[in-house]
Amino acid sequence: MTARARIRDAALLQFAERGFNETTIRAIAEAAGVSSGLVQYHYRSKEALREACDRYAFDFFRQTKNEAHGKGQFADPNFLSIAFRTSFPVLRYLARALADGSASAAELFDELVEYTQDALWAGMPGVNPPPDHDREGLSAVLTAMQLGVLVLHPHLTRVLGSEIFSAQTYPRLVMALLDIHSHSLVTPETAAQARAGLADVQAVPPTAEE
């Protein structure tokens, strides 16, 4: 692994643990086993390093999803084991970045929404395209639901009784998500009634107070 990659990986862990504002170049250098000068040589500033971490996290997320769907590796325990183990630092980073609410996190979220929309309606293997009357809204809400699991990981860890970012517990979380996505929790009749009611609400002109 190159020094540049070691620095990025160290920053990923430091940002996830301490948050961007509390993390120093010196702490990243110590974690990477390099000098502060070398960190600044490869990355102009802490902001540039965060941009590199954001890009790495997004690319990792996209590549893992594409390999799992495109190559049908959901049933391969070796692939899943490696994917889970290597994803934990990225997932922790995403959770902290989104919770911090920076402009960088907003850009990352927007990219993930765009990727989700492309994936849902581009014929990705193993995915049933949902109704497309509001692609942007559906993609944004689905992305928020998926990322919300990461942001709320301390509460999930408490309720489930063990750290969710672990080889023992993360599969349990993913199986729960699979059950949710593969099973219609709401009957078609109930969904139709709710949509009709919501459509009526949307049709009402906003009041002056709104």
N, C-alpha and C. Protein backbone atom coordinates (compact mmCIF):
# COMPACT_ATOMS: atom_id res chain seq x y z
N MET A 1 0.84 -1.19 0.00
CA MET A 1 0.00 0.00 0.00
C MET A 1 0.88 1.25 0.00
N THR A 2 0.54 2.20 -0.84
CA THR A 2 1.32 3.43 -0.93
C THR A 2 1.10 4.31 0.30
N ALA A 3 2.03 5.25 0.51
CA ALA A 3 1.89 6.18 1.63
C ALA A 3 0.62 7.01 1.48
N ARG A 4 0.29 7.38 0.25
CA ARG A 4 -0.92 8.17 0.01
C ARG A 4 -2.17 7.40 0.45
N ALA A 5 -2.22 6.12 0.11
CA ALA A 5 -3.37 5.29 0.49
C ALA A 5 -3.41 5.07 2.00
N ARG A 6 -2.24 4.89 2.62
CA ARG A 6 -2.20 4.71 4.09
C ARG A 6 -2.71 5.96 4.79
N ILE A 7 -2.34 7.11 4.27
CA ILE A 7 -2.81 8.38 4.86
C ILE A 7 -4.33 8.49 4.72
N ARG A 8 -4.84 8.17 3.55
CA ARG A 8 -6.30 8.23 3.35
C ARG A 8 -7.03 7.28 4.28
N ASP A 9 -6.54 6.06 4.40
CA ASP A 9 -7.19 5.08 5.28
C ASP A 9 -7.13 5.51 6.73
N ALA A 10 -6.00 6.10 7.13
CA ALA A 10 -5.88 6.59 8.51
C ALA A 10 -6.85 7.74 8.75
N ALA A 11 -6.98 8.61 7.76
CA ALA A 11 -7.91 9.73 7.88
C ALA A 11 -9.35 9.24 7.97
N LEU A 12 -9.65 8.22 7.20
CA LEU A 12 -10.99 7.63 7.22
C LEU A 12 -11.36 7.20 8.64
N LEU A 13 -10.42 6.52 9.30
CA LEU A 13 -10.66 6.04 10.67
C LEU A 13 -10.70 7.18 11.67
N GLN A 14 -9.80 8.15 11.52
CA GLN A 14 -9.76 9.27 12.45
C GLN A 14 -11.00 10.15 12.34
N PHE A 15 -11.42 10.43 11.12
CA PHE A 15 -12.63 11.23 10.93
C PHE A 15 -13.85 10.52 11.50
N ALA A 16 -13.89 9.19 11.32
CA ALA A 16 -15.03 8.42 11.83
C ALA A 16 -15.07 8.43 13.35
N GLU A 17 -13.90 8.36 13.98
CA GLU A 17 -13.83 8.27 15.44
C GLU A 17 -14.01 9.63 16.11
N ARG A 18 -13.35 10.65 15.57
CA ARG A 18 -13.31 11.95 16.25
C ARG A 18 -14.18 13.02 15.61
N GLY A 19 -14.54 12.81 14.35
CA GLY A 19 -15.21 13.87 13.61
C GLY A 19 -14.19 14.74 12.90
N PHE A 20 -14.62 15.42 11.85
CA PHE A 20 -13.69 16.21 11.05
C PHE A 20 -13.06 17.34 11.85
N ASN A 21 -13.86 18.08 12.59
CA ASN A 21 -13.35 19.26 13.29
C ASN A 21 -12.32 18.91 14.36
N GLU A 22 -12.50 17.78 15.02
CA GLU A 22 -11.62 17.40 16.12
C GLU A 22 -10.38 16.64 15.67
N THR A 23 -10.33 16.26 14.42
CA THR A 23 -9.19 15.50 13.90
C THR A 23 -8.11 16.45 13.40
N THR A 24 -6.87 16.18 13.76
CA THR A 24 -5.76 17.03 13.33
C THR A 24 -4.90 16.29 12.30
N ILE A 25 -4.17 17.08 11.53
CA ILE A 25 -3.22 16.50 10.58
C ILE A 25 -2.20 15.64 11.32
N ARG A 26 -1.79 16.10 12.49
CA ARG A 26 -0.80 15.36 13.28
C ARG A 26 -1.35 14.00 13.69
N ALA A 27 -2.61 13.94 14.10
CA ALA A 27 -3.21 12.67 14.50
C ALA A 27 -3.28 11.71 13.32
N ILE A 28 -3.62 12.23 12.16
CA ILE A 28 -3.68 11.40 10.96
C ILE A 28 -2.29 10.88 10.61
N ALA A 29 -1.29 11.75 10.70
CA ALA A 29 0.08 11.35 10.40
C ALA A 29 0.55 10.25 11.34
N GLU A 30 0.27 10.40 12.63
CA GLU A 30 0.67 9.38 13.60
C GLU A 30 -0.01 8.05 13.32
N ALA A 31 -1.30 8.10 12.98
CA ALA A 31 -2.03 6.87 12.70
C ALA A 31 -1.52 6.19 11.43
N ALA A 32 -1.06 6.99 10.47
CA ALA A 32 -0.55 6.43 9.21
C ALA A 32 0.92 6.05 9.29
N GLY A 33 1.59 6.48 10.36
CA GLY A 33 3.01 6.19 10.50
C GLY A 33 3.88 7.02 9.59
N VAL A 34 3.46 8.26 9.33
CA VAL A 34 4.23 9.16 8.47
C VAL A 34 4.34 10.51 9.16
N SER A 35 5.05 11.43 8.54
CA SER A 35 5.19 12.78 9.09
C SER A 35 4.02 13.66 8.67
N SER A 36 3.79 14.71 9.44
CA SER A 36 2.75 15.67 9.06
C SER A 36 3.06 16.31 7.72
N GLY A 37 4.34 16.53 7.46
CA GLY A 37 4.74 17.11 6.18
C GLY A 37 4.36 16.23 5.01
N LEU A 38 4.47 14.90 5.18
CA LEU A 38 4.12 14.00 4.09
C LEU A 38 2.61 14.00 3.85
N VAL A 39 1.86 14.12 4.93
CA VAL A 39 0.40 14.22 4.77
C VAL A 39 0.06 15.44 3.92
N GLN A 40 0.69 16.57 4.23
CA GLN A 40 0.41 17.81 3.51
C GLN A 40 1.01 17.80 2.10
N TYR A 41 2.02 16.98 1.89
CA TYR A 41 2.59 16.84 0.55
C TYR A 41 1.59 16.13 -0.37
N HIS A 42 0.98 15.06 0.15
CA HIS A 42 0.03 14.30 -0.67
C HIS A 42 -1.34 14.96 -0.73
N TYR A 43 -1.72 15.62 0.36
CA TYR A 43 -3.04 16.27 0.43
C TYR A 43 -2.83 17.70 0.92
N ARG A 44 -3.22 18.66 0.15
CA ARG A 44 -2.93 20.07 0.42
C ARG A 44 -3.43 20.52 1.79
N SER A 45 -4.56 19.98 2.20
CA SER A 45 -5.19 20.43 3.44
C SER A 45 -6.06 19.31 4.00
N LYS A 46 -6.58 19.55 5.19
CA LYS A 46 -7.50 18.57 5.79
C LYS A 46 -8.78 18.47 4.96
N GLU A 47 -9.20 19.59 4.38
CA GLU A 47 -10.39 19.58 3.53
C GLU A 47 -10.18 18.72 2.29
N ALA A 48 -8.99 18.82 1.70
CA ALA A 48 -8.68 18.00 0.53
C ALA A 48 -8.65 16.53 0.90
N LEU A 49 -8.17 16.24 2.10
CA LEU A 49 -8.14 14.85 2.57
C LEU A 49 -9.56 14.34 2.78
N ARG A 50 -10.43 15.18 3.30
CA ARG A 50 -11.83 14.77 3.45
C ARG A 50 -12.47 14.50 2.09
N GLU A 51 -12.15 15.32 1.10
CA GLU A 51 -12.68 15.09 -0.24
C GLU A 51 -12.22 13.74 -0.78
N ALA A 52 -10.97 13.38 -0.50
CA ALA A 52 -10.46 12.08 -0.94
C ALA A 52 -11.18 10.95 -0.23
N CYS A 53 -11.47 11.13 1.05
CA CYS A 53 -12.20 10.11 1.81
C CYS A 53 -13.63 9.98 1.29
N ASP A 54 -14.26 11.10 0.98
CA ASP A 54 -15.62 11.06 0.42
C ASP A 54 -15.63 10.30 -0.89
N ARG A 55 -14.66 10.60 -1.75
CA ARG A 55 -14.59 9.93 -3.05
C ARG A 55 -14.35 8.44 -2.89
N TYR A 56 -13.46 8.09 -1.98
CA TYR A 56 -13.17 6.68 -1.73
C TYR A 56 -14.41 5.96 -1.21
N ALA A 57 -15.12 6.59 -0.28
CA ALA A 57 -16.32 5.97 0.30
C ALA A 57 -17.39 5.76 -0.76
N PHE A 58 -17.61 6.76 -1.61
CA PHE A 58 -18.62 6.63 -2.66
C PHE A 58 -18.22 5.55 -3.66
N ASP A 59 -16.98 5.56 -4.10
CA ASP A 59 -16.52 4.57 -5.07
C ASP A 59 -16.59 3.16 -4.50
N PHE A 60 -16.25 3.02 -3.22
CA PHE A 60 -16.32 1.71 -2.57
C PHE A 60 -17.77 1.24 -2.51
N PHE A 61 -18.66 2.12 -2.11
CA PHE A 61 -20.09 1.80 -2.02
C PHE A 61 -20.62 1.35 -3.37
N ARG A 62 -20.31 2.11 -4.42
CA ARG A 62 -20.80 1.80 -5.76
C ARG A 62 -20.20 0.50 -6.28
N GLN A 63 -18.90 0.31 -6.11
CA GLN A 63 -18.25 -0.88 -6.63
C GLN A 63 -18.77 -2.14 -5.94
N THR A 64 -18.93 -2.09 -4.62
CA THR A 64 -19.42 -3.26 -3.90
C THR A 64 -20.83 -3.62 -4.33
N LYS A 65 -21.69 -2.61 -4.46
CA LYS A 65 -23.07 -2.85 -4.91
C LYS A 65 -23.08 -3.44 -6.31
N ASN A 66 -22.29 -2.87 -7.21
CA ASN A 66 -22.28 -3.34 -8.59
C ASN A 66 -21.76 -4.76 -8.70
N GLU A 67 -20.74 -5.10 -7.93
CA GLU A 67 -20.20 -6.46 -7.97
C GLU A 67 -21.20 -7.45 -7.41
N ALA A 68 -21.86 -7.08 -6.32
CA ALA A 68 -22.83 -7.99 -5.71
C ALA A 68 -23.99 -8.26 -6.66
N HIS A 69 -24.50 -7.22 -7.29
CA HIS A 69 -25.64 -7.38 -8.19
C HIS A 69 -25.21 -7.90 -9.56
N GLY A 70 -24.21 -7.26 -10.14
CA GLY A 70 -23.81 -7.59 -11.50
C GLY A 70 -23.22 -8.98 -11.65
N LYS A 71 -22.48 -9.42 -10.66
CA LYS A 71 -21.82 -10.73 -10.74
C LYS A 71 -22.53 -11.79 -9.91
N GLY A 72 -23.68 -11.45 -9.34
CA GLY A 72 -24.46 -12.42 -8.59
C GLY A 72 -23.73 -13.05 -7.43
N GLN A 73 -22.98 -12.25 -6.67
CA GLN A 73 -22.15 -12.80 -5.60
C GLN A 73 -22.82 -12.75 -4.23
N PHE A 74 -24.13 -12.50 -4.19
CA PHE A 74 -24.82 -12.46 -2.91
C PHE A 74 -24.72 -13.79 -2.17
N ALA A 75 -24.66 -14.89 -2.93
CA ALA A 75 -24.63 -16.21 -2.30
C ALA A 75 -23.22 -16.71 -2.03
N ASP A 76 -22.21 -15.93 -2.36
CA ASP A 76 -20.82 -16.35 -2.17
C ASP A 76 -20.35 -15.89 -0.78
N PRO A 77 -20.18 -16.83 0.16
CA PRO A 77 -19.79 -16.43 1.52
C PRO A 77 -18.42 -15.78 1.57
N ASN A 78 -17.52 -16.17 0.66
CA ASN A 78 -16.19 -15.55 0.65
C ASN A 78 -16.28 -14.08 0.24
N PHE A 79 -17.07 -13.82 -0.79
CA PHE A 79 -17.26 -12.43 -1.23
C PHE A 79 -17.90 -11.61 -0.12
N LEU A 80 -18.95 -12.15 0.49
CA LEU A 80 -19.66 -11.42 1.53
C LEU A 80 -18.76 -11.15 2.73
N SER A 81 -17.96 -12.14 3.10
CA SER A 81 -17.08 -11.98 4.26
C SER A 81 -16.07 -10.86 4.02
N ILE A 82 -15.46 -10.86 2.84
CA ILE A 82 -14.49 -9.82 2.50
C ILE A 82 -15.18 -8.46 2.38
N ALA A 83 -16.34 -8.44 1.73
CA ALA A 83 -17.06 -7.18 1.54
C ALA A 83 -17.46 -6.57 2.88
N PHE A 84 -17.95 -7.41 3.79
CA PHE A 84 -18.34 -6.89 5.10
C PHE A 84 -17.13 -6.35 5.85
N ARG A 85 -16.07 -7.14 5.90
CA ARG A 85 -14.89 -6.76 6.68
C ARG A 85 -14.27 -5.46 6.17
N THR A 86 -14.17 -5.33 4.86
CA THR A 86 -13.54 -4.13 4.30
C THR A 86 -14.47 -2.92 4.31
N SER A 87 -15.76 -3.17 4.46
CA SER A 87 -16.71 -2.06 4.42
C SER A 87 -16.87 -1.35 5.75
N PHE A 88 -16.52 -1.99 6.86
CA PHE A 88 -16.79 -1.40 8.17
C PHE A 88 -16.16 -0.01 8.36
N PRO A 89 -14.89 0.19 8.00
CA PRO A 89 -14.32 1.55 8.13
C PRO A 89 -15.07 2.58 7.28
N VAL A 90 -15.49 2.17 6.09
CA VAL A 90 -16.21 3.08 5.21
C VAL A 90 -17.59 3.41 5.79
N LEU A 91 -18.27 2.39 6.32
CA LEU A 91 -19.59 2.61 6.90
C LEU A 91 -19.52 3.52 8.11
N ARG A 92 -18.50 3.33 8.94
CA ARG A 92 -18.33 4.20 10.10
C ARG A 92 -18.06 5.64 9.66
N TYR A 93 -17.26 5.78 8.62
CA TYR A 93 -16.96 7.11 8.10
C TYR A 93 -18.22 7.78 7.58
N LEU A 94 -19.01 7.05 6.79
CA LEU A 94 -20.24 7.61 6.26
C LEU A 94 -21.19 8.03 7.37
N ALA A 95 -21.30 7.20 8.40
CA ALA A 95 -22.19 7.51 9.52
C ALA A 95 -21.79 8.81 10.19
N ARG A 96 -20.50 8.98 10.44
CA ARG A 96 -20.03 10.19 11.12
C ARG A 96 -20.15 11.41 10.20
N ALA A 97 -19.79 11.25 8.94
CA ALA A 97 -19.83 12.37 8.00
C ALA A 97 -21.25 12.89 7.84
N LEU A 98 -22.21 11.98 7.72
CA LEU A 98 -23.60 12.40 7.54
C LEU A 98 -24.16 13.02 8.81
N ALA A 99 -23.75 12.51 9.96
CA ALA A 99 -24.22 13.07 11.23
C ALA A 99 -23.65 14.47 11.46
N ASP A 100 -22.43 14.71 10.99
CA ASP A 100 -21.80 16.03 11.17
C ASP A 100 -22.49 17.11 10.35
N GLY A 101 -23.14 16.70 9.25
CA GLY A 101 -23.93 17.65 8.48
C GLY A 101 -23.16 18.71 7.74
N SER A 102 -21.98 18.40 7.23
CA SER A 102 -21.17 19.38 6.51
C SER A 102 -21.64 19.50 5.06
N ALA A 103 -21.13 20.51 4.37
CA ALA A 103 -21.43 20.67 2.95
C ALA A 103 -20.89 19.49 2.16
N SER A 104 -19.77 18.96 2.60
CA SER A 104 -19.19 17.78 1.96
C SER A 104 -20.12 16.59 2.08
N ALA A 105 -20.73 16.42 3.26
CA ALA A 105 -21.67 15.31 3.47
C ALA A 105 -22.90 15.48 2.59
N ALA A 106 -23.34 16.72 2.41
CA ALA A 106 -24.50 16.98 1.55
C ALA A 106 -24.21 16.58 0.11
N GLU A 107 -23.02 16.90 -0.36
CA GLU A 107 -22.63 16.52 -1.72
C GLU A 107 -22.56 15.00 -1.86
N LEU A 108 -22.04 14.34 -0.83
CA LEU A 108 -21.94 12.89 -0.86
C LEU A 108 -23.33 12.26 -0.89
N PHE A 109 -24.24 12.79 -0.07
CA PHE A 109 -25.61 12.28 -0.06
C PHE A 109 -26.25 12.44 -1.44
N ASP A 110 -26.06 13.60 -2.06
CA ASP A 110 -26.64 13.84 -3.38
C ASP A 110 -26.10 12.85 -4.41
N GLU A 111 -24.82 12.54 -4.33
CA GLU A 111 -24.24 11.56 -5.25
C GLU A 111 -24.84 10.18 -5.04
N LEU A 112 -25.06 9.82 -3.77
CA LEU A 112 -25.64 8.52 -3.48
C LEU A 112 -27.09 8.44 -3.95
N VAL A 113 -27.82 9.54 -3.85
CA VAL A 113 -29.19 9.57 -4.37
C VAL A 113 -29.19 9.37 -5.88
N GLU A 114 -28.28 10.04 -6.56
CA GLU A 114 -28.18 9.91 -8.01
C GLU A 114 -27.81 8.48 -8.40
N TYR A 115 -26.87 7.87 -7.65
CA TYR A 115 -26.50 6.49 -7.93
C TYR A 115 -27.69 5.56 -7.71
N THR A 116 -28.43 5.77 -6.61
CA THR A 116 -29.59 4.93 -6.32
C THR A 116 -30.62 5.02 -7.44
N GLN A 117 -30.86 6.22 -7.93
CA GLN A 117 -31.83 6.39 -9.01
C GLN A 117 -31.37 5.67 -10.27
N ASP A 118 -30.11 5.80 -10.60
CA ASP A 118 -29.58 5.10 -11.78
C ASP A 118 -29.70 3.59 -11.61
N ALA A 119 -29.38 3.10 -10.42
CA ALA A 119 -29.38 1.66 -10.18
C ALA A 119 -30.79 1.08 -10.25
N LEU A 120 -31.76 1.80 -9.72
CA LEU A 120 -33.13 1.28 -9.66
C LEU A 120 -33.76 1.13 -11.03
N TRP A 121 -33.47 2.05 -11.93
CA TRP A 121 -34.15 2.05 -13.23
C TRP A 121 -33.22 1.75 -14.40
N ALA A 122 -32.05 1.20 -14.12
CA ALA A 122 -31.11 0.88 -15.20
C ALA A 122 -31.05 -0.62 -15.47
N GLY A 123 -31.97 -1.37 -14.89
CA GLY A 123 -31.99 -2.81 -15.13
C GLY A 123 -30.93 -3.57 -14.37
N MET A 124 -30.57 -3.12 -13.16
CA MET A 124 -29.59 -3.84 -12.36
C MET A 124 -30.12 -5.23 -12.02
N PRO A 125 -29.32 -6.28 -12.24
CA PRO A 125 -29.77 -7.65 -11.95
C PRO A 125 -30.24 -7.80 -10.51
N GLY A 126 -31.36 -8.50 -10.34
CA GLY A 126 -31.87 -8.77 -9.01
C GLY A 126 -32.70 -7.66 -8.41
N VAL A 127 -32.94 -6.59 -9.17
CA VAL A 127 -33.69 -5.45 -8.65
C VAL A 127 -34.98 -5.27 -9.46
N ASN A 128 -36.11 -5.20 -8.77
CA ASN A 128 -37.38 -4.91 -9.42
C ASN A 128 -37.59 -3.40 -9.42
N PRO A 129 -37.63 -2.78 -10.59
CA PRO A 129 -37.83 -1.33 -10.63
C PRO A 129 -39.16 -0.95 -9.97
N PRO A 130 -39.15 -0.02 -9.04
CA PRO A 130 -40.39 0.40 -8.39
C PRO A 130 -41.19 1.34 -9.29
N PRO A 131 -42.40 1.73 -8.88
CA PRO A 131 -43.15 2.71 -9.67
C PRO A 131 -42.32 3.97 -9.90
N ASP A 132 -42.43 4.53 -11.10
CA ASP A 132 -41.54 5.65 -11.44
C ASP A 132 -42.27 6.98 -11.54
N HIS A 133 -43.38 7.13 -10.81
CA HIS A 133 -44.10 8.40 -10.86
C HIS A 133 -43.34 9.53 -10.16
N ASP A 134 -42.40 9.17 -9.28
CA ASP A 134 -41.57 10.18 -8.60
C ASP A 134 -40.21 9.56 -8.32
N ARG A 135 -39.41 9.44 -9.36
CA ARG A 135 -38.11 8.78 -9.22
C ARG A 135 -37.21 9.50 -8.24
N GLU A 136 -37.19 10.82 -8.33
CA GLU A 136 -36.32 11.59 -7.44
C GLU A 136 -36.72 11.40 -5.98
N GLY A 137 -38.02 11.50 -5.70
CA GLY A 137 -38.48 11.35 -4.33
C GLY A 137 -38.21 9.96 -3.78
N LEU A 138 -38.50 8.93 -4.58
CA LEU A 138 -38.27 7.57 -4.12
C LEU A 138 -36.79 7.31 -3.88
N SER A 139 -35.95 7.76 -4.79
CA SER A 139 -34.51 7.53 -4.66
C SER A 139 -33.95 8.24 -3.43
N ALA A 140 -34.42 9.47 -3.19
CA ALA A 140 -33.94 10.24 -2.04
C ALA A 140 -34.36 9.59 -0.73
N VAL A 141 -35.63 9.16 -0.65
CA VAL A 141 -36.12 8.54 0.58
C VAL A 141 -35.44 7.20 0.83
N LEU A 142 -35.27 6.39 -0.22
CA LEU A 142 -34.61 5.10 -0.05
C LEU A 142 -33.17 5.27 0.40
N THR A 143 -32.47 6.23 -0.19
CA THR A 143 -31.09 6.50 0.22
C THR A 143 -31.04 6.93 1.67
N ALA A 144 -31.96 7.81 2.07
CA ALA A 144 -31.99 8.28 3.46
C ALA A 144 -32.29 7.13 4.42
N MET A 145 -33.18 6.22 4.02
CA MET A 145 -33.49 5.07 4.87
C MET A 145 -32.27 4.18 5.06
N GLN A 146 -31.56 3.92 3.96
CA GLN A 146 -30.37 3.06 4.05
C GLN A 146 -29.27 3.70 4.88
N LEU A 147 -29.04 4.99 4.65
CA LEU A 147 -27.98 5.67 5.39
C LEU A 147 -28.39 5.93 6.83
N GLY A 148 -29.68 6.05 7.07
CA GLY A 148 -30.16 6.24 8.44
C GLY A 148 -29.79 5.08 9.34
N VAL A 149 -29.74 3.89 8.78
CA VAL A 149 -29.31 2.72 9.55
C VAL A 149 -27.88 2.91 10.04
N LEU A 150 -27.04 3.52 9.21
CA LEU A 150 -25.64 3.76 9.60
C LEU A 150 -25.55 4.84 10.66
N VAL A 151 -26.26 5.94 10.44
CA VAL A 151 -26.20 7.06 11.38
C VAL A 151 -26.70 6.65 12.76
N LEU A 152 -27.71 5.79 12.79
CA LEU A 152 -28.30 5.36 14.07
C LEU A 152 -27.65 4.09 14.61
N HIS A 153 -26.44 3.77 14.13
CA HIS A 153 -25.82 2.50 14.53
C HIS A 153 -25.62 2.36 16.03
N PRO A 154 -25.37 3.43 16.81
CA PRO A 154 -25.25 3.21 18.26
C PRO A 154 -26.53 2.66 18.88
N HIS A 155 -27.68 3.12 18.40
CA HIS A 155 -28.95 2.64 18.92
C HIS A 155 -29.22 1.20 18.47
N LEU A 156 -28.89 0.90 17.21
CA LEU A 156 -29.04 -0.48 16.74
C LEU A 156 -28.14 -1.42 17.52
N THR A 157 -26.92 -0.98 17.77
CA THR A 157 -25.99 -1.80 18.55
C THR A 157 -26.55 -2.08 19.94
N ARG A 158 -27.13 -1.07 20.56
CA ARG A 158 -27.70 -1.24 21.90
C ARG A 158 -28.87 -2.22 21.88
N VAL A 159 -29.78 -2.05 20.93
CA VAL A 159 -30.98 -2.89 20.88
C VAL A 159 -30.64 -4.33 20.50
N LEU A 160 -29.73 -4.50 19.54
CA LEU A 160 -29.38 -5.84 19.08
C LEU A 160 -28.40 -6.54 20.01
N GLY A 161 -27.77 -5.79 20.91
CA GLY A 161 -26.93 -6.40 21.92
C GLY A 161 -25.49 -6.61 21.53
N SER A 162 -25.09 -6.17 20.35
CA SER A 162 -23.69 -6.30 19.94
C SER A 162 -23.40 -5.29 18.83
N GLU A 163 -22.13 -4.96 18.68
CA GLU A 163 -21.70 -3.97 17.68
C GLU A 163 -22.15 -4.41 16.29
N ILE A 164 -22.89 -3.53 15.59
CA ILE A 164 -23.42 -3.95 14.29
C ILE A 164 -22.33 -3.98 13.22
N PHE A 165 -21.28 -3.16 13.38
CA PHE A 165 -20.19 -3.19 12.42
C PHE A 165 -19.21 -4.29 12.80
N SER A 166 -19.70 -5.51 12.79
CA SER A 166 -18.88 -6.68 13.11
C SER A 166 -19.32 -7.84 12.23
N ALA A 167 -18.42 -8.79 12.02
CA ALA A 167 -18.72 -9.93 11.16
C ALA A 167 -19.85 -10.78 11.71
N GLN A 168 -20.09 -10.70 13.03
CA GLN A 168 -21.13 -11.51 13.64
C GLN A 168 -22.52 -10.87 13.50
N THR A 169 -22.60 -9.55 13.63
CA THR A 169 -23.89 -8.88 13.70
C THR A 169 -24.32 -8.22 12.40
N TYR A 170 -23.39 -7.76 11.58
CA TYR A 170 -23.79 -7.07 10.36
C TYR A 170 -24.63 -7.94 9.43
N PRO A 171 -24.32 -9.25 9.28
CA PRO A 171 -25.21 -10.08 8.45
C PRO A 171 -26.65 -10.10 8.97
N ARG A 172 -26.83 -10.03 10.29
CA ARG A 172 -28.18 -9.99 10.84
C ARG A 172 -28.90 -8.72 10.39
N LEU A 173 -28.19 -7.61 10.39
CA LEU A 173 -28.77 -6.35 9.95
C LEU A 173 -29.15 -6.42 8.47
N VAL A 174 -28.26 -6.96 7.65
CA VAL A 174 -28.53 -7.04 6.22
C VAL A 174 -29.71 -7.96 5.94
N MET A 175 -29.81 -9.07 6.67
CA MET A 175 -30.94 -9.98 6.47
C MET A 175 -32.26 -9.30 6.83
N ALA A 176 -32.24 -8.47 7.87
CA ALA A 176 -33.45 -7.72 8.23
C ALA A 176 -33.84 -6.77 7.10
N LEU A 177 -32.84 -6.10 6.52
CA LEU A 177 -33.12 -5.20 5.40
C LEU A 177 -33.65 -5.96 4.19
N LEU A 178 -33.10 -7.15 3.95
CA LEU A 178 -33.59 -7.97 2.84
C LEU A 178 -35.04 -8.36 3.05
N ASP A 179 -35.39 -8.73 4.27
CA ASP A 179 -36.78 -9.09 4.57
C ASP A 179 -37.71 -7.91 4.32
N ILE A 180 -37.25 -6.73 4.71
CA ILE A 180 -38.08 -5.52 4.52
C ILE A 180 -38.27 -5.23 3.03
N HIS A 181 -37.18 -5.30 2.26
CA HIS A 181 -37.26 -4.93 0.85
C HIS A 181 -37.92 -6.01 -0.01
N SER A 182 -37.88 -7.26 0.42
CA SER A 182 -38.42 -8.34 -0.40
C SER A 182 -39.86 -8.69 -0.04
N HIS A 183 -40.40 -8.05 1.00
CA HIS A 183 -41.76 -8.35 1.45
C HIS A 183 -42.58 -7.06 1.48
N SER A 184 -43.76 -7.12 0.90
CA SER A 184 -44.65 -5.95 0.92
C SER A 184 -45.32 -5.86 2.28
N LEU A 185 -44.91 -4.90 3.08
CA LEU A 185 -45.47 -4.75 4.42
C LEU A 185 -46.88 -4.17 4.38
N VAL A 186 -47.20 -3.43 3.34
CA VAL A 186 -48.51 -2.81 3.20
C VAL A 186 -49.27 -3.49 2.06
N THR A 187 -50.53 -3.83 2.28
CA THR A 187 -51.32 -4.48 1.24
C THR A 187 -51.59 -3.49 0.11
N PRO A 188 -51.80 -4.00 -1.12
CA PRO A 188 -52.10 -3.10 -2.24
C PRO A 188 -53.33 -2.23 -1.98
N GLU A 189 -54.32 -2.79 -1.29
CA GLU A 189 -55.53 -2.03 -1.02
C GLU A 189 -55.24 -0.85 -0.08
N THR A 190 -54.48 -1.12 0.97
CA THR A 190 -54.13 -0.06 1.92
C THR A 190 -53.27 1.01 1.24
N ALA A 191 -52.33 0.57 0.41
CA ALA A 191 -51.47 1.52 -0.30
C ALA A 191 -52.30 2.41 -1.23
N ALA A 192 -53.26 1.81 -1.93
CA ALA A 192 -54.10 2.59 -2.84
C ALA A 192 -54.93 3.62 -2.09
N GLN A 193 -55.48 3.22 -0.94
CA GLN A 193 -56.27 4.15 -0.14
C GLN A 193 -55.40 5.31 0.36
N ALA A 194 -54.20 4.97 0.84
CA ALA A 194 -53.30 6.01 1.35
C ALA A 194 -52.88 6.97 0.24
N ARG A 195 -52.58 6.43 -0.95
CA ARG A 195 -52.18 7.28 -2.07
C ARG A 195 -53.32 8.24 -2.45
N ALA A 196 -54.54 7.71 -2.45
CA ALA A 196 -55.68 8.56 -2.79
C ALA A 196 -55.82 9.70 -1.78
N GLY A 197 -55.67 9.38 -0.50
CA GLY A 197 -55.76 10.42 0.53
C GLY A 197 -54.65 11.44 0.41
N LEU A 198 -53.43 10.97 0.14
CA LEU A 198 -52.29 11.88 0.00
C LEU A 198 -52.44 12.77 -1.23
N ALA A 199 -52.99 12.19 -2.30
CA ALA A 199 -53.22 12.99 -3.51
C ALA A 199 -54.20 14.12 -3.24
N ASP A 200 -55.22 13.82 -2.43
CA ASP A 200 -56.19 14.87 -2.07
C ASP A 200 -55.51 15.96 -1.24
N VAL A 201 -54.62 15.56 -0.34
CA VAL A 201 -53.90 16.54 0.48
C VAL A 201 -53.05 17.44 -0.41
N GLN A 202 -52.35 16.83 -1.37
CA GLN A 202 -51.50 17.61 -2.27
C GLN A 202 -52.30 18.57 -3.14
N ALA A 203 -53.55 18.21 -3.41
CA ALA A 203 -54.38 19.03 -4.30
C ALA A 203 -54.90 20.29 -3.61
N VAL A 204 -54.83 20.33 -2.29
CA VAL A 204 -55.32 21.49 -1.55
C VAL A 204 -54.31 22.63 -1.65
N PRO A 205 -54.71 23.81 -2.10
CA PRO A 205 -53.76 24.93 -2.21
C PRO A 205 -53.19 25.30 -0.84
N PRO A 206 -51.92 25.68 -0.78
CA PRO A 206 -51.33 26.07 0.51
C PRO A 206 -51.99 27.34 1.05
N THR A 207 -52.08 27.40 2.37
CA THR A 207 -52.65 28.59 3.01
C THR A 207 -51.58 29.66 3.16
N ALA A 208 -52.01 30.85 3.54
CA ALA A 208 -51.07 31.96 3.71
C ALA A 208 -50.06 31.67 4.81
N GLU A 209 -50.50 30.93 5.85
CA GLU A 209 -49.60 30.60 6.96
C GLU A 209 -48.49 29.67 6.52
N GLU A 210 -48.74 28.84 5.48
CA GLU A 210 -47.74 27.88 5.02
C GLU A 210 -46.75 28.54 4.06
